[in-house]
């Protein structure tokens, strides 16, 4: 995953935790009613909190351990991380999202 992709995932998780389903919400109606009253806009305190988390994501998440922590996942040992990343690549290849270089057609055969 690219750095930008990881940042987007961390933002989405932060948004869901802070705004979409904040810790003080007992159920979805606790979230939905105030949003309807504000026409879907977050409160200024929610916005400031989300901006603070975004700054933290951009400046202090530099390792895979930081990334997993930001997602609320437990840290992985180096062998576990290696296995996780290999599984991700295998999955990407299987789904056709990524084609290994040795399987790519030369440009002369694109048509």
C-alpha atoms as a PDB file:
ATOM      1  CA  UNK A   1       0.000   0.000   0.000  1.00  0.00           C
ATOM      2  CA  UNK A   2       1.255   3.443  -0.812  1.00  0.00           C
ATOM      3  CA  UNK A   3       1.819   6.091   1.821  1.00  0.00           C
ATOM      4  CA  UNK A   4      -1.228   7.969   0.510  1.00  0.00           C
ATOM      5  CA  UNK A   5      -3.387   4.841   0.721  1.00  0.00           C
ATOM      6  CA  UNK A   6      -2.309   4.253   4.319  1.00  0.00           C
ATOM      7  CA  UNK A   7      -3.059   7.893   5.169  1.00  0.00           C
ATOM      8  CA  UNK A   8      -6.541   7.571   3.655  1.00  0.00           C
ATOM      9  CA  UNK A   9      -7.287   4.414   5.639  1.00  0.00           C
ATOM     10  CA  UNK A  10      -6.073   6.067   8.860  1.00  0.00           C
ATOM     11  CA  UNK A  11      -8.233   9.126   8.116  1.00  0.00           C
ATOM     12  CA  UNK A  12     -11.296   6.944   7.520  1.00  0.00           C
ATOM     13  CA  UNK A  13     -10.741   5.072  10.780  1.00  0.00           C
ATOM     14  CA  UNK A  14     -10.243   8.348  12.681  1.00  0.00           C
ATOM     15  CA  UNK A  15     -13.376   9.831  11.098  1.00  0.00           C
ATOM     16  CA  UNK A  16     -15.478   6.814  12.058  1.00  0.00           C
ATOM     17  CA  UNK A  17     -14.141   6.766  15.618  1.00  0.00           C
ATOM     18  CA  UNK A  18     -14.385  10.504  16.235  1.00  0.00           C
ATOM     19  CA  UNK A  19     -17.376  11.629  14.183  1.00  0.00           C
ATOM     20  CA  UNK A  20     -19.212   8.713  12.556  1.00  0.00           C
ATOM     21  CA  UNK A  21     -19.520   6.705  15.753  1.00  0.00           C
ATOM     22  CA  UNK A  22     -17.942   8.632  18.643  1.00  0.00           C
ATOM     23  CA  UNK A  23     -17.206   6.775  21.887  1.00  0.00           C
ATOM     24  CA  UNK A  24     -19.988   8.562  23.801  1.00  0.00           C
ATOM     25  CA  UNK A  25     -22.699   7.441  21.335  1.00  0.00           C
ATOM     26  CA  UNK A  26     -24.858   4.634  22.697  1.00  0.00           C
ATOM     27  CA  UNK A  27     -26.432   3.885  19.325  1.00  0.00           C
ATOM     28  CA  UNK A  28     -26.700   5.279  15.806  1.00  0.00           C
ATOM     29  CA  UNK A  29     -29.642   7.514  16.743  1.00  0.00           C
ATOM     30  CA  UNK A  30     -27.345   9.327  19.183  1.00  0.00           C
ATOM     31  CA  UNK A  31     -25.208  10.186  16.160  1.00  0.00           C
ATOM     32  CA  UNK A  32     -27.919  10.701  13.552  1.00  0.00           C
ATOM     33  CA  UNK A  33     -30.226  13.114  15.410  1.00  0.00           C
ATOM     34  CA  UNK A  34     -27.630  15.844  16.045  1.00  0.00           C
ATOM     35  CA  UNK A  35     -26.289  15.457  12.477  1.00  0.00           C
ATOM     36  CA  UNK A  36     -29.762  15.984  11.066  1.00  0.00           C
ATOM     37  CA  UNK A  37     -30.108  19.134  13.176  1.00  0.00           C
ATOM     38  CA  UNK A  38     -26.774  20.415  11.823  1.00  0.00           C
ATOM     39  CA  UNK A  39     -27.498  19.260   8.233  1.00  0.00           C
ATOM     40  CA  UNK A  40     -24.656  16.741   8.408  1.00  0.00           C
ATOM     41  CA  UNK A  41     -21.980  19.176   9.536  1.00  0.00           C
ATOM     42  CA  UNK A  42     -19.686  18.205  12.409  1.00  0.00           C
ATOM     43  CA  UNK A  43     -19.466  20.405  15.477  1.00  0.00           C
ATOM     44  CA  UNK A  44     -16.492  22.758  15.720  1.00  0.00           C
ATOM     45  CA  UNK A  45     -14.988  20.576  18.473  1.00  0.00           C
ATOM     46  CA  UNK A  46     -15.355  17.457  16.295  1.00  0.00           C
ATOM     47  CA  UNK A  47     -13.745  19.284  13.397  1.00  0.00           C
ATOM     48  CA  UNK A  48     -10.817  20.449  15.547  1.00  0.00           C
ATOM     49  CA  UNK A  49     -10.331  16.924  16.915  1.00  0.00           C
ATOM     50  CA  UNK A  50     -10.358  15.418  13.416  1.00  0.00           C
ATOM     51  CA  UNK A  51      -7.888  18.056  12.155  1.00  0.00           C
ATOM     52  CA  UNK A  52      -5.609  17.270  15.087  1.00  0.00           C
ATOM     53  CA  UNK A  53      -5.714  13.562  14.251  1.00  0.00           C
ATOM     54  CA  UNK A  54      -5.004  14.321  10.586  1.00  0.00           C
ATOM     55  CA  UNK A  55      -1.928  16.332  11.537  1.00  0.00           C
ATOM     56  CA  UNK A  56      -0.778  13.466  13.746  1.00  0.00           C
ATOM     57  CA  UNK A  57      -1.306  10.975  10.897  1.00  0.00           C
ATOM     58  CA  UNK A  58       0.750  13.112   8.517  1.00  0.00           C
ATOM     59  CA  UNK A  59       3.605  13.804  10.904  1.00  0.00           C
ATOM     60  CA  UNK A  60       4.028  10.947  13.351  1.00  0.00           C
ATOM     61  CA  UNK A  61       2.990   7.748  11.591  1.00  0.00           C
ATOM     62  CA  UNK A  62       6.236   6.585  10.039  1.00  0.00           C
ATOM     63  CA  UNK A  63       6.422   2.830  10.672  1.00  0.00           C
ATOM     64  CA  UNK A  64       4.173  -0.177  10.159  1.00  0.00           C
ATOM     65  CA  UNK A  65       3.812  -0.383  13.951  1.00  0.00           C
ATOM     66  CA  UNK A  66       2.573   3.225  14.012  1.00  0.00           C
ATOM     67  CA  UNK A  67       0.148   2.418  11.191  1.00  0.00           C
ATOM     68  CA  UNK A  68      -1.272  -0.665  12.896  1.00  0.00           C
ATOM     69  CA  UNK A  69      -1.582   1.257  16.156  1.00  0.00           C
ATOM     70  CA  UNK A  70      -3.469   4.074  14.398  1.00  0.00           C
ATOM     71  CA  UNK A  71      -5.929   1.455  13.143  1.00  0.00           C
ATOM     72  CA  UNK A  72      -6.349   0.036  16.631  1.00  0.00           C
ATOM     73  CA  UNK A  73      -4.588  -3.204  15.721  1.00  0.00           C
ATOM     74  CA  UNK A  74      -1.984  -4.990  17.841  1.00  0.00           C
ATOM     75  CA  UNK A  75       1.676  -4.695  16.835  1.00  0.00           C
ATOM     76  CA  UNK A  76       3.202  -7.476  14.746  1.00  0.00           C
ATOM     77  CA  UNK A  77       6.580  -9.117  15.136  1.00  0.00           C
ATOM     78  CA  UNK A  78       8.873  -8.811  12.090  1.00  0.00           C
ATOM     79  CA  UNK A  79       8.010 -12.365  10.886  1.00  0.00           C
ATOM     80  CA  UNK A  80       4.282 -11.671  11.344  1.00  0.00           C
ATOM     81  CA  UNK A  81       4.569  -8.368   9.447  1.00  0.00           C
ATOM     82  CA  UNK A  82       6.487 -10.041   6.618  1.00  0.00           C
ATOM     83  CA  UNK A  83       3.827 -12.763   6.370  1.00  0.00           C
ATOM     84  CA  UNK A  84       1.036 -10.160   6.469  1.00  0.00           C
ATOM     85  CA  UNK A  85       2.617  -8.117   3.665  1.00  0.00           C
ATOM     86  CA  UNK A  86       3.272 -11.202   1.508  1.00  0.00           C
ATOM     87  CA  UNK A  87      -0.359 -12.271   1.991  1.00  0.00           C
ATOM     88  CA  UNK A  88      -1.505  -8.809   0.909  1.00  0.00           C
ATOM     89  CA  UNK A  89       0.596  -8.977  -2.254  1.00  0.00           C
ATOM     90  CA  UNK A  90      -0.647 -12.504  -3.034  1.00  0.00           C
ATOM     91  CA  UNK A  91      -4.241 -11.361  -2.547  1.00  0.00           C
ATOM     92  CA  UNK A  92      -3.676  -8.342  -4.793  1.00  0.00           C
ATOM     93  CA  UNK A  93      -2.211 -10.547  -7.538  1.00  0.00           C
ATOM     94  CA  UNK A  94      -5.044 -13.092  -7.220  1.00  0.00           C
ATOM     95  CA  UNK A  95      -7.674 -10.343  -7.541  1.00  0.00           C
ATOM     96  CA  UNK A  96      -5.885  -8.815 -10.522  1.00  0.00           C
ATOM     97  CA  UNK A  97      -5.072  -5.512  -8.795  1.00  0.00           C
ATOM     98  CA  UNK A  98      -1.354  -6.008  -9.349  1.00  0.00           C
ATOM     99  CA  UNK A  99       0.555  -7.837 -12.078  1.00  0.00           C
ATOM    100  CA  UNK A 100       4.131  -8.855 -11.256  1.00  0.00           C
ATOM    101  CA  UNK A 101       6.743  -7.351 -13.577  1.00  0.00           C
ATOM    102  CA  UNK A 102       7.725 -10.725 -15.028  1.00  0.00           C
ATOM    103  CA  UNK A 103       4.106 -11.249 -16.202  1.00  0.00           C
ATOM    104  CA  UNK A 104       3.623  -7.843 -17.848  1.00  0.00           C
ATOM    105  CA  UNK A 105       3.436  -7.594 -21.597  1.00  0.00           C
ATOM    106  CA  UNK A 106       6.042  -5.508 -23.371  1.00  0.00           C
ATOM    107  CA  UNK A 107       4.705  -2.201 -24.669  1.00  0.00           C
ATOM    108  CA  UNK A 108       4.931  -3.504 -28.250  1.00  0.00           C
ATOM    109  CA  UNK A 109       2.225  -6.075 -27.387  1.00  0.00           C
ATOM    110  CA  UNK A 110      -0.271  -3.674 -25.729  1.00  0.00           C
ATOM    111  CA  UNK A 111      -2.690  -3.588 -28.669  1.00  0.00           C
END
